[in-house]
């Protein structure tokens, strides 16, 4: 298993979850856990995913998710779990 973290932040709108999940399904990325909230019109989602069986290279997933975010008015970031953990250590 290759756990990675996806974060999605932006103004709330219809279809954000659907578009991200459709992309992940098309890329053979398994969603392990998902949490989302909307605060005062701002959408925030965090996903833990398994990229082990992905049909695209990790760098391609990173770039395509970023482009997807741009196309729907959000910021989407994909990071390896270890990098995410190191960035958020206290």
C-alpha atoms as a PDB file:
ATOM      1  CA  UNK A   1       0.000   0.000   0.000  1.00  0.00           C
ATOM      2  CA  UNK A   2       1.245   3.483  -0.895  1.00  0.00           C
ATOM      3  CA  UNK A   3      -0.707   5.988   1.169  1.00  0.00           C
ATOM      4  CA  UNK A   4      -0.936   9.554  -0.065  1.00  0.00           C
ATOM      5  CA  UNK A   5      -2.841  12.625   1.053  1.00  0.00           C
ATOM      6  CA  UNK A   6      -5.057  14.754  -1.173  1.00  0.00           C
ATOM      7  CA  UNK A   7      -6.241  18.173  -0.038  1.00  0.00           C
ATOM      8  CA  UNK A   8      -8.866  20.212  -1.859  1.00  0.00           C
ATOM      9  CA  UNK A   9      -9.645  23.825  -0.897  1.00  0.00           C
ATOM     10  CA  UNK A  10     -11.780  26.451  -2.610  1.00  0.00           C
ATOM     11  CA  UNK A  11     -15.150  28.138  -2.892  1.00  0.00           C
ATOM     12  CA  UNK A  12     -17.956  25.618  -2.537  1.00  0.00           C
ATOM     13  CA  UNK A  13     -19.781  24.544  -5.696  1.00  0.00           C
ATOM     14  CA  UNK A  14     -21.735  21.588  -6.971  1.00  0.00           C
ATOM     15  CA  UNK A  15     -19.696  18.600  -8.173  1.00  0.00           C
ATOM     16  CA  UNK A  16     -16.292  19.037  -6.526  1.00  0.00           C
ATOM     17  CA  UNK A  17     -16.356  15.640  -4.807  1.00  0.00           C
ATOM     18  CA  UNK A  18     -17.810  13.951  -7.883  1.00  0.00           C
ATOM     19  CA  UNK A  19     -15.113  15.312 -10.194  1.00  0.00           C
ATOM     20  CA  UNK A  20     -12.234  14.436  -7.868  1.00  0.00           C
ATOM     21  CA  UNK A  21     -13.607  10.941  -7.171  1.00  0.00           C
ATOM     22  CA  UNK A  22     -14.248  10.299 -10.877  1.00  0.00           C
ATOM     23  CA  UNK A  23     -10.649  11.230 -11.676  1.00  0.00           C
ATOM     24  CA  UNK A  24      -9.360   8.944  -8.924  1.00  0.00           C
ATOM     25  CA  UNK A  25     -11.529   6.037 -10.101  1.00  0.00           C
ATOM     26  CA  UNK A  26     -10.339   6.528 -13.695  1.00  0.00           C
ATOM     27  CA  UNK A  27      -6.750   6.505 -12.386  1.00  0.00           C
ATOM     28  CA  UNK A  28      -7.310   3.328 -10.317  1.00  0.00           C
ATOM     29  CA  UNK A  29      -6.576   5.174  -7.058  1.00  0.00           C
ATOM     30  CA  UNK A  30      -8.399   3.739  -4.045  1.00  0.00           C
ATOM     31  CA  UNK A  31      -9.941   6.118  -1.509  1.00  0.00           C
ATOM     32  CA  UNK A  32      -9.211   4.869   2.019  1.00  0.00           C
ATOM     33  CA  UNK A  33     -10.719   7.737   4.013  1.00  0.00           C
ATOM     34  CA  UNK A  34     -12.386  11.043   3.234  1.00  0.00           C
ATOM     35  CA  UNK A  35     -13.392  14.055   5.275  1.00  0.00           C
ATOM     36  CA  UNK A  36     -14.948  17.247   3.997  1.00  0.00           C
ATOM     37  CA  UNK A  37     -16.432  20.360   5.464  1.00  0.00           C
ATOM     38  CA  UNK A  38     -17.868  23.633   4.262  1.00  0.00           C
ATOM     39  CA  UNK A  39     -17.212  26.754   6.342  1.00  0.00           C
ATOM     40  CA  UNK A  40     -18.872  30.001   5.339  1.00  0.00           C
ATOM     41  CA  UNK A  41     -18.966  28.970   1.682  1.00  0.00           C
ATOM     42  CA  UNK A  42     -15.447  27.529   1.543  1.00  0.00           C
ATOM     43  CA  UNK A  43     -14.994  23.854   0.722  1.00  0.00           C
ATOM     44  CA  UNK A  44     -12.232  21.864   2.417  1.00  0.00           C
ATOM     45  CA  UNK A  45     -11.608  18.152   1.809  1.00  0.00           C
ATOM     46  CA  UNK A  46      -8.881  15.772   2.884  1.00  0.00           C
ATOM     47  CA  UNK A  47      -8.552  12.268   1.486  1.00  0.00           C
ATOM     48  CA  UNK A  48      -6.235   9.410   2.315  1.00  0.00           C
ATOM     49  CA  UNK A  49      -5.719   7.333  -0.805  1.00  0.00           C
ATOM     50  CA  UNK A  50      -3.771   4.282  -1.919  1.00  0.00           C
ATOM     51  CA  UNK A  51      -1.822   5.021  -5.106  1.00  0.00           C
ATOM     52  CA  UNK A  52      -0.199   1.561  -5.302  1.00  0.00           C
ATOM     53  CA  UNK A  53      -2.413   0.358  -8.164  1.00  0.00           C
ATOM     54  CA  UNK A  54      -2.565   3.678 -10.022  1.00  0.00           C
ATOM     55  CA  UNK A  55      -2.405   3.494 -13.795  1.00  0.00           C
ATOM     56  CA  UNK A  56      -0.457   6.778 -13.946  1.00  0.00           C
ATOM     57  CA  UNK A  57       2.915   7.790 -12.501  1.00  0.00           C
ATOM     58  CA  UNK A  58       2.705   9.699  -9.207  1.00  0.00           C
ATOM     59  CA  UNK A  59       4.060  12.873 -10.819  1.00  0.00           C
ATOM     60  CA  UNK A  60       1.332  12.672 -13.471  1.00  0.00           C
ATOM     61  CA  UNK A  61      -1.334  12.279 -10.771  1.00  0.00           C
ATOM     62  CA  UNK A  62       0.050  15.367  -9.007  1.00  0.00           C
ATOM     63  CA  UNK A  63      -0.025  17.452 -12.190  1.00  0.00           C
ATOM     64  CA  UNK A  64      -3.415  16.263 -13.422  1.00  0.00           C
ATOM     65  CA  UNK A  65      -5.057  16.797 -10.025  1.00  0.00           C
ATOM     66  CA  UNK A  66      -3.600  20.300  -9.917  1.00  0.00           C
ATOM     67  CA  UNK A  67      -5.000  20.969 -13.392  1.00  0.00           C
ATOM     68  CA  UNK A  68      -8.373  19.546 -12.357  1.00  0.00           C
ATOM     69  CA  UNK A  69      -8.368  21.916  -9.394  1.00  0.00           C
ATOM     70  CA  UNK A  70      -7.608  24.869 -11.670  1.00  0.00           C
ATOM     71  CA  UNK A  71     -10.474  23.889 -13.969  1.00  0.00           C
ATOM     72  CA  UNK A  72     -13.005  23.796 -11.112  1.00  0.00           C
ATOM     73  CA  UNK A  73     -11.702  26.793  -9.152  1.00  0.00           C
ATOM     74  CA  UNK A  74     -10.014  24.904  -6.311  1.00  0.00           C
ATOM     75  CA  UNK A  75      -6.497  24.041  -5.210  1.00  0.00           C
ATOM     76  CA  UNK A  76      -5.832  20.295  -5.224  1.00  0.00           C
ATOM     77  CA  UNK A  77      -2.607  18.947  -3.771  1.00  0.00           C
ATOM     78  CA  UNK A  78      -1.391  15.325  -3.702  1.00  0.00           C
ATOM     79  CA  UNK A  79       1.515  14.353  -1.450  1.00  0.00           C
ATOM     80  CA  UNK A  80       3.083  11.128  -0.270  1.00  0.00           C
ATOM     81  CA  UNK A  81       1.980  10.398   3.306  1.00  0.00           C
ATOM     82  CA  UNK A  82       5.544  10.641   4.649  1.00  0.00           C
ATOM     83  CA  UNK A  83       6.063  14.114   3.155  1.00  0.00           C
ATOM     84  CA  UNK A  84       2.706  15.317   4.451  1.00  0.00           C
ATOM     85  CA  UNK A  85       3.550  13.992   7.924  1.00  0.00           C
ATOM     86  CA  UNK A  86       6.969  15.649   7.932  1.00  0.00           C
ATOM     87  CA  UNK A  87       5.486  18.981   6.859  1.00  0.00           C
ATOM     88  CA  UNK A  88       2.918  18.879   9.662  1.00  0.00           C
ATOM     89  CA  UNK A  89       5.072  17.647  12.561  1.00  0.00           C
ATOM     90  CA  UNK A  90       5.165  19.702  15.690  1.00  0.00           C
END
